[in-house]
Each structure stands twice: as C-alpha cells, then as structure tokens.
N, C-alpha and C. Protein backbone atom coordinates (compact mmCIF):
# COMPACT_ATOMS: atom_id res chain seq x y z
N MET A 1 -28.24 4.19 35.15
CA MET A 1 -27.23 4.34 35.73
C MET A 1 -27.59 4.80 37.37
N THR A 2 -27.21 4.26 38.08
CA THR A 2 -27.86 4.75 39.59
C THR A 2 -26.79 5.75 40.01
N ILE A 3 -27.24 7.00 41.04
CA ILE A 3 -25.94 7.29 41.71
C ILE A 3 -26.52 7.31 42.85
N TYR A 4 -25.64 7.14 44.14
CA TYR A 4 -26.03 7.33 45.40
C TYR A 4 -25.49 8.61 46.11
N SER A 5 -26.52 9.00 46.83
CA SER A 5 -25.89 10.36 47.36
C SER A 5 -26.45 9.94 49.47
N ASP A 6 -25.51 11.32 50.07
CA ASP A 6 -25.87 10.87 51.27
C ASP A 6 -26.73 12.06 51.46
N ASP A 7 -27.78 12.57 50.39
CA ASP A 7 -28.86 13.74 50.32
C ASP A 7 -29.74 13.09 51.03
N PRO A 8 -30.55 13.37 51.97
CA PRO A 8 -31.61 12.74 52.94
C PRO A 8 -32.95 13.22 52.03
N ASN A 9 -33.20 13.71 50.86
CA ASN A 9 -34.28 13.84 50.19
C ASN A 9 -33.79 13.08 48.88
N ASN A 10 -33.05 12.91 48.25
CA ASN A 10 -32.43 12.41 47.29
C ASN A 10 -31.54 11.64 47.77
N GLY A 11 -32.10 10.64 48.23
CA GLY A 11 -30.50 9.80 48.44
C GLY A 11 -29.75 8.73 47.12
N GLU A 12 -30.90 8.49 46.17
CA GLU A 12 -30.60 7.65 45.07
C GLU A 12 -31.69 8.16 44.00
N ARG A 13 -30.80 8.29 42.60
CA ARG A 13 -31.32 9.15 41.70
C ARG A 13 -30.72 7.99 40.32
N TRP A 14 -31.88 7.82 39.35
CA TRP A 14 -31.59 7.12 38.29
C TRP A 14 -31.32 8.16 37.12
N VAL A 15 -30.48 7.35 36.42
CA VAL A 15 -30.31 8.57 35.23
C VAL A 15 -30.02 7.60 33.88
N PHE A 16 -30.63 7.99 32.79
CA PHE A 16 -30.59 6.57 31.62
C PHE A 16 -29.76 7.36 30.24
N LEU A 17 -28.75 6.42 30.17
CA LEU A 17 -28.08 7.05 29.31
C LEU A 17 -28.28 6.35 28.16
N SER A 18 -27.83 6.82 26.53
CA SER A 18 -28.08 5.73 25.48
C SER A 18 -25.98 6.73 24.88
N GLY A 19 -25.54 5.81 23.80
CA GLY A 19 -25.19 6.35 22.92
C GLY A 19 -24.35 5.04 21.92
N ALA A 20 -23.24 5.78 21.20
CA ALA A 20 -23.06 4.46 20.02
C ALA A 20 -21.71 4.83 19.92
N GLY A 21 -20.91 3.61 20.17
CA GLY A 21 -19.34 3.57 19.81
C GLY A 21 -18.56 4.29 18.86
N ALA A 22 -17.35 4.70 19.44
CA ALA A 22 -17.26 5.26 18.21
C ALA A 22 -16.15 4.63 17.26
N GLU A 23 -15.84 5.08 16.11
CA GLU A 23 -15.32 4.09 15.27
C GLU A 23 -13.68 3.85 15.33
N GLU A 24 -13.67 2.49 15.22
CA GLU A 24 -11.90 2.70 15.41
C GLU A 24 -11.43 3.82 14.99
N ILE A 25 -10.19 4.27 15.32
CA ILE A 25 -8.84 5.08 14.38
C ILE A 25 -7.86 4.51 14.06
N GLU A 26 -8.04 4.05 13.04
CA GLU A 26 -6.69 3.82 12.37
C GLU A 26 -6.47 3.25 11.03
N PRO A 27 -5.03 3.18 10.65
CA PRO A 27 -4.80 3.20 9.04
C PRO A 27 -5.62 2.10 8.15
N ASP A 28 -5.40 1.73 7.11
CA ASP A 28 -6.11 1.06 6.46
C ASP A 28 -5.71 0.72 4.93
N ILE A 29 -4.62 -0.13 4.12
CA ILE A 29 -3.73 -0.25 3.58
C ILE A 29 -4.50 -1.06 2.10
N ALA A 30 -4.48 -0.48 1.01
CA ALA A 30 -4.79 -1.34 -0.11
C ALA A 30 -3.84 -0.37 -1.43
N LEU A 31 -4.17 -1.85 -2.30
CA LEU A 31 -3.48 -1.37 -3.72
C LEU A 31 -4.21 -1.58 -4.31
N SER A 32 -3.79 -0.85 -5.57
CA SER A 32 -4.66 -1.00 -6.84
C SER A 32 -4.46 -2.24 -7.91
N GLU A 33 -3.40 -3.02 -6.84
CA GLU A 33 -3.33 -4.78 -7.92
C GLU A 33 -2.04 -5.28 -6.82
N ALA A 34 -2.76 -6.74 -6.57
CA ALA A 34 -2.00 -7.25 -6.25
C ALA A 34 -0.70 -8.17 -6.84
N GLU A 35 -0.81 -8.04 -8.48
CA GLU A 35 0.32 -8.49 -9.21
C GLU A 35 0.23 -7.78 -10.42
N HIS A 36 1.81 -7.46 -11.32
CA HIS A 36 1.43 -7.13 -12.44
C HIS A 36 2.49 -7.78 -12.96
N ASP A 37 1.64 -7.88 -14.52
CA ASP A 37 2.88 -8.49 -15.47
C ASP A 37 3.33 -7.93 -16.34
N PHE A 38 3.98 -7.26 -16.63
CA PHE A 38 4.69 -6.76 -17.68
C PHE A 38 4.96 -7.11 -19.11
N GLY A 39 4.14 -8.28 -18.97
CA GLY A 39 4.72 -8.74 -20.17
C GLY A 39 5.99 -8.63 -20.94
N GLU A 40 5.90 -9.18 -22.43
CA GLU A 40 7.62 -8.82 -23.10
C GLU A 40 7.85 -7.32 -23.24
N TRP A 41 9.16 -7.52 -23.18
CA TRP A 41 9.77 -6.11 -23.17
C TRP A 41 10.98 -6.21 -23.62
N TYR A 42 11.91 -5.11 -24.18
CA TYR A 42 12.95 -4.97 -24.58
C TYR A 42 13.85 -5.18 -23.76
N VAL A 43 14.83 -5.93 -24.12
CA VAL A 43 16.47 -6.11 -22.83
C VAL A 43 16.63 -4.78 -23.11
N SER A 44 17.43 -4.10 -21.71
CA SER A 44 17.93 -2.41 -21.72
C SER A 44 16.95 -1.56 -21.88
N TYR A 45 15.90 -1.54 -21.93
CA TYR A 45 15.44 -0.77 -21.78
C TYR A 45 14.16 -0.66 -20.49
N ALA A 46 13.70 0.29 -20.14
CA ALA A 46 12.82 0.30 -19.07
C ALA A 46 11.22 0.43 -19.56
N LEU A 47 10.35 -0.06 -18.73
CA LEU A 47 9.23 0.26 -18.86
C LEU A 47 8.20 0.26 -17.29
N PRO A 48 8.11 1.78 -17.62
CA PRO A 48 7.27 1.95 -16.35
C PRO A 48 5.67 2.08 -15.71
N ARG A 49 5.19 1.34 -15.21
CA ARG A 49 4.11 1.49 -14.43
C ARG A 49 3.66 1.82 -13.24
N VAL A 50 2.18 2.57 -13.26
CA VAL A 50 2.32 2.99 -11.79
C VAL A 50 1.00 2.38 -11.09
N LEU A 51 1.79 2.25 -9.79
CA LEU A 51 1.31 1.03 -8.69
C LEU A 51 0.43 2.38 -7.79
N ARG A 52 -0.74 2.04 -7.46
CA ARG A 52 -1.60 3.32 -6.64
C ARG A 52 -1.68 2.65 -4.65
N ILE A 53 -1.32 3.22 -4.23
CA ILE A 53 -1.38 3.09 -2.78
C ILE A 53 -2.37 3.40 -1.93
N PHE A 54 -3.12 3.12 -1.57
CA PHE A 54 -4.47 3.14 -0.99
C PHE A 54 -4.57 3.70 0.72
N ASN A 55 -5.07 4.97 0.98
CA ASN A 55 -5.20 4.49 2.38
C ASN A 55 -6.87 4.63 2.35
N GLN A 56 -7.59 4.03 3.08
CA GLN A 56 -9.16 3.54 3.24
C GLN A 56 -9.29 3.33 5.01
N GLY A 57 -8.82 3.84 5.75
CA GLY A 57 -8.37 3.83 6.98
C GLY A 57 -9.49 5.62 7.12
N THR A 58 -8.97 5.44 8.91
CA THR A 58 -9.53 6.83 9.46
C THR A 58 -8.67 7.30 10.08
N ASP A 59 -7.46 6.62 10.41
CA ASP A 59 -5.84 7.49 10.38
C ASP A 59 -5.09 7.71 9.68
N SER A 60 -4.13 8.52 9.57
CA SER A 60 -3.06 8.73 8.53
C SER A 60 -2.23 7.13 8.30
N LEU A 61 -1.81 6.52 7.04
CA LEU A 61 -0.44 5.94 6.81
C LEU A 61 0.08 6.09 6.84
N THR A 62 1.32 5.25 7.95
CA THR A 62 2.82 5.22 7.39
C THR A 62 3.70 4.47 6.67
N VAL A 63 3.94 4.77 5.96
CA VAL A 63 4.78 3.96 4.36
C VAL A 63 6.50 4.23 5.07
N GLU A 64 6.72 2.81 5.46
CA GLU A 64 7.72 2.85 6.56
C GLU A 64 8.94 2.05 5.38
N ASP A 65 8.53 1.41 3.94
CA ASP A 65 9.78 0.73 3.64
C ASP A 65 9.19 -0.07 1.99
N PHE A 66 9.83 0.35 1.29
CA PHE A 66 9.59 -0.98 0.22
C PHE A 66 10.65 -1.45 -0.35
N ALA A 67 10.33 -2.90 -0.74
CA ALA A 67 11.95 -3.87 -1.10
C ALA A 67 11.45 -4.64 -2.29
N VAL A 68 12.51 -4.79 -3.40
CA VAL A 68 12.17 -5.41 -4.24
C VAL A 68 13.24 -6.43 -4.29
N ASP A 69 12.88 -7.82 -4.89
CA ASP A 69 13.81 -9.01 -4.66
C ASP A 69 14.51 -9.28 -6.05
N ASP A 70 14.16 -8.25 -7.08
CA ASP A 70 14.88 -8.91 -7.90
C ASP A 70 15.32 -7.46 -9.22
N ASP A 71 16.56 -7.36 -9.30
CA ASP A 71 16.94 -6.49 -9.86
C ASP A 71 16.50 -5.87 -11.27
N ALA A 72 15.49 -6.58 -12.09
CA ALA A 72 14.97 -6.66 -13.58
C ALA A 72 13.84 -4.99 -12.80
N PHE A 73 13.33 -5.29 -11.52
CA PHE A 73 11.92 -4.57 -10.92
C PHE A 73 12.65 -2.90 -10.32
N SER A 74 12.86 -2.27 -10.83
CA SER A 74 13.24 -1.38 -9.62
C SER A 74 11.50 -0.15 -9.23
N LEU A 75 11.99 1.12 -8.15
CA LEU A 75 11.19 2.04 -7.75
C LEU A 75 11.52 3.08 -7.86
N ASP A 76 10.81 4.40 -7.94
CA ASP A 76 10.95 5.67 -7.81
C ASP A 76 10.78 6.21 -6.22
N TRP A 77 10.96 5.76 -5.21
CA TRP A 77 11.33 5.72 -3.96
C TRP A 77 12.36 6.41 -3.95
N ASN A 78 12.32 7.70 -2.75
CA ASN A 78 13.62 8.05 -2.56
C ASN A 78 13.76 7.73 -1.10
N GLY A 79 13.63 6.31 -0.46
CA GLY A 79 13.86 6.03 0.67
C GLY A 79 13.31 6.68 2.03
N GLU A 80 12.52 7.83 1.97
CA GLU A 80 12.08 8.51 2.84
C GLU A 80 10.75 8.05 3.44
N VAL A 81 10.82 7.97 4.50
CA VAL A 81 9.30 7.13 5.05
C VAL A 81 8.35 8.60 4.75
N PHE A 82 6.85 7.78 4.55
CA PHE A 82 5.99 9.05 4.42
C PHE A 82 4.89 8.62 4.70
N LYS A 83 3.56 9.80 4.97
CA LYS A 83 2.46 9.55 5.36
C LYS A 83 1.31 9.86 4.00
N ILE A 84 0.10 8.60 4.28
CA ILE A 84 -0.87 9.17 2.99
C ILE A 84 -1.94 9.38 3.61
N THR A 85 -2.83 10.25 3.74
CA THR A 85 -4.50 10.95 4.84
C THR A 85 -5.19 9.57 4.45
N PRO A 86 -6.08 10.11 5.46
CA PRO A 86 -7.23 8.70 5.44
C PRO A 86 -8.05 9.43 4.19
N GLY A 87 -8.28 8.45 3.17
CA GLY A 87 -8.68 8.60 2.02
C GLY A 87 -7.88 8.96 0.84
N GLY A 88 -6.61 9.22 1.29
CA GLY A 88 -6.01 9.58 0.34
C GLY A 88 -5.07 8.81 -0.84
N GLU A 89 -4.22 8.82 -1.48
CA GLU A 89 -3.18 7.68 -1.98
C GLU A 89 -2.08 7.70 -2.69
N TYR A 90 -1.15 7.23 -3.41
CA TYR A 90 0.22 7.93 -3.35
C TYR A 90 0.66 6.99 -4.63
N ARG A 91 1.08 7.10 -5.39
CA ARG A 91 1.48 6.66 -6.93
C ARG A 91 3.00 6.39 -7.10
N MET A 92 3.06 5.19 -7.16
CA MET A 92 4.35 4.63 -7.14
C MET A 92 4.89 4.03 -8.50
N THR A 93 5.94 4.43 -9.41
CA THR A 93 6.27 4.10 -10.14
C THR A 93 7.18 2.72 -10.39
N VAL A 94 6.36 1.85 -10.57
CA VAL A 94 7.50 0.37 -10.75
C VAL A 94 7.70 0.85 -12.33
N SER A 95 9.33 0.39 -12.33
CA SER A 95 9.63 -0.16 -13.49
C SER A 95 10.12 -1.56 -13.76
N PHE A 96 10.16 -2.27 -15.34
CA PHE A 96 10.54 -3.10 -15.52
C PHE A 96 12.24 -3.16 -16.54
N SER A 97 13.29 -3.34 -15.93
CA SER A 97 14.08 -3.12 -17.18
C SER A 97 14.90 -4.16 -17.09
N PRO A 98 15.01 -5.42 -17.97
CA PRO A 98 15.38 -6.67 -18.43
C PRO A 98 16.80 -6.37 -18.70
N ASP A 99 17.76 -7.13 -18.10
CA ASP A 99 18.95 -7.18 -18.88
C ASP A 99 19.29 -8.38 -19.71
N GLU A 100 18.67 -9.25 -19.76
CA GLU A 100 18.58 -9.97 -21.13
C GLU A 100 17.50 -11.15 -21.67
N GLU A 101 17.54 -11.73 -22.18
CA GLU A 101 16.25 -12.50 -22.94
C GLU A 101 16.02 -13.89 -22.09
N THR A 102 14.87 -13.65 -21.10
CA THR A 102 14.62 -14.75 -19.97
C THR A 102 13.33 -14.16 -19.38
N GLU A 103 12.69 -14.93 -19.10
CA GLU A 103 11.31 -14.56 -18.08
C GLU A 103 11.71 -14.34 -16.63
N TYR A 104 11.09 -13.17 -16.11
CA TYR A 104 11.30 -12.95 -14.50
C TYR A 104 10.69 -12.78 -13.61
N ALA A 105 10.68 -12.76 -12.45
CA ALA A 105 9.31 -12.94 -11.39
C ALA A 105 10.22 -12.16 -10.31
N GLY A 106 9.56 -11.68 -9.60
CA GLY A 106 10.28 -11.21 -8.36
C GLY A 106 8.96 -10.83 -7.30
N GLU A 107 9.40 -9.87 -5.97
CA GLU A 107 7.96 -9.85 -5.50
C GLU A 107 8.19 -8.33 -4.93
N LEU A 108 7.72 -7.17 -4.68
CA LEU A 108 7.64 -6.06 -4.29
C LEU A 108 7.17 -5.76 -3.06
N ALA A 109 7.74 -6.13 -1.89
CA ALA A 109 7.24 -6.04 -0.28
C ALA A 109 6.94 -4.59 0.18
N ILE A 110 5.84 -4.06 0.34
CA ILE A 110 5.44 -2.87 0.92
C ILE A 110 5.41 -2.51 2.30
N THR A 111 5.85 -1.59 3.78
CA THR A 111 5.96 -1.84 4.79
C THR A 111 4.96 -0.89 4.99
N SER A 112 4.54 -0.84 6.11
CA SER A 112 3.36 0.00 6.75
C SER A 112 3.18 -0.07 8.02
N ASP A 113 2.28 0.67 8.54
CA ASP A 113 1.86 0.97 10.19
C ASP A 113 0.12 0.31 10.39
N ASP A 114 -0.25 -0.38 8.90
CA ASP A 114 -1.49 -1.27 9.18
C ASP A 114 -1.18 -1.83 10.20
N PRO A 115 -2.14 -1.94 10.97
CA PRO A 115 -1.97 -2.97 12.11
C PRO A 115 -2.48 -4.58 11.88
N ASP A 116 -3.15 -4.66 10.72
CA ASP A 116 -3.32 -6.41 10.14
C ASP A 116 -2.62 -6.33 9.03
N GLU A 117 -2.41 -5.39 8.33
CA GLU A 117 -1.41 -5.70 7.03
C GLU A 117 -0.26 -4.75 6.84
N GLY A 118 0.56 -5.20 7.55
CA GLY A 118 1.74 -4.54 8.17
C GLY A 118 3.11 -4.66 6.62
N GLU A 119 2.87 -5.99 6.31
CA GLU A 119 3.37 -5.74 4.92
C GLU A 119 2.57 -6.29 4.04
N LEU A 120 2.33 -5.75 2.67
CA LEU A 120 2.07 -6.44 1.57
C LEU A 120 2.84 -6.84 0.74
N THR A 121 2.68 -7.80 0.06
CA THR A 121 3.58 -7.66 -1.44
C THR A 121 3.01 -8.05 -3.01
N VAL A 122 3.53 -7.52 -3.51
CA VAL A 122 3.04 -7.73 -5.47
C VAL A 122 3.65 -8.53 -6.19
N SER A 123 3.32 -9.47 -6.63
CA SER A 123 3.81 -9.92 -7.46
C SER A 123 4.30 -9.30 -9.24
N LEU A 124 5.54 -9.28 -9.44
CA LEU A 124 6.13 -9.00 -10.45
C LEU A 124 6.43 -9.93 -11.38
N THR A 125 5.96 -9.68 -12.89
CA THR A 125 6.27 -10.94 -13.91
C THR A 125 6.50 -9.97 -15.23
N GLY A 126 7.44 -10.41 -15.88
CA GLY A 126 7.98 -9.50 -17.54
C GLY A 126 8.88 -10.70 -17.68
N LYS A 127 9.52 -10.27 -19.46
CA LYS A 127 9.78 -10.90 -20.13
C LYS A 127 10.20 -10.40 -20.91
N GLY A 128 11.89 -10.76 -20.64
CA GLY A 128 12.80 -9.59 -21.67
C GLY A 128 13.12 -10.75 -22.92
N ILE A 129 13.03 -9.69 -23.91
CA ILE A 129 13.03 -9.85 -25.44
C ILE A 129 14.14 -8.94 -26.16
N ALA A 130 14.50 -9.82 -27.21
CA ALA A 130 15.69 -8.65 -28.25
C ALA A 130 14.72 -7.97 -29.10
N ARG A 131 15.27 -6.70 -29.06
CA ARG A 131 14.56 -5.81 -29.64
C ARG A 131 15.30 -5.80 -31.37
N ARG A 132 13.75 -5.40 -31.69
CA ARG A 132 13.90 -5.63 -33.20
C ARG A 132 14.18 -4.54 -34.33
N ARG A 133 15.26 -4.99 -35.13
CA ARG A 133 15.78 -4.14 -36.20
C ARG A 133 14.54 -3.52 -37.09
N HIS A 134 14.26 -2.51 -37.83
CA HIS A 134 13.66 -2.39 -38.46
C HIS A 134 14.43 -1.23 -39.39
N PHE A 135 14.36 -2.21 -40.58
CA PHE A 135 14.90 -1.21 -41.86
C PHE A 135 13.91 -0.56 -42.91
N ILE A 136 13.72 0.70 -43.42
CA ILE A 136 13.02 1.46 -44.31
C ILE A 136 13.82 1.32 -45.29
N TYR A 137 13.34 1.53 -46.73
CA TYR A 137 14.13 1.18 -47.90
C TYR A 137 13.40 2.15 -48.65
C-alpha cells in the first residue's frame, strides 16, 4: 500500500500488508437422519424415537418452528423458539402413534435461521398393526 503525504522528506511511503480472511460467521443446521421408518407398531400405542438436530456452524442457530403433516406423528416440542450453540445439538422426541391398521407417511418440517437451509424436512413412515393377545395357560 502506498501512503502519500505533504511531508517534504517523506512524501511517499510503501507499507506491505498481508493477512487472511476471517471465516464467515453463520449457523449451519444438520440432522441425525433425513428420513425415519418406524416400522410396524401397535394401534393406539406410541413409539418414540430421538431426532438429533446439530449446529455445525460458527454462530448460534435459532430453531423457530416444527410442523408435522400427519396426526400419527407427534413431537415433544413446547412451541418456543430456541437456540443451539455452535457445535451443539438438540434432541427432539418424535413419536409414532397409529390409530388404525394402515400405512402412514408424513413429513416433519424444521424451520431455522440457517441461511441456505432455512427449512429442512424429515420423511416419516410407519405401519399400524393390531396388538396381538397372548394367553399363558
């Protein structure tokens, strides 16, 4: 870089600069799985599973909303927005509770402030089956 001044003895000075760019500071969401098959499960009973949400970014991740599009799947979320620190994780329980003997397919949508993945979806599937009665004589 050249610095110019009106100094009669040093009207022009050269200064050499070097450096490295700073890492971009932003959150980065990741999930333990993009789809989950609960398999066969008994009608009128709940089968819980844990979905892990990670922040692989360099700034706090704000998770704003969750939505499921099939009533056979539910969440243990209280509706409040929360943050995940860089390198941290949040464990969300997702349950499958079939109400009849049939196959189910739904999606869980997760909304966050991740700049390039603001909404992620997890495919959810399962099949409701009748509970078998076992008799011991």
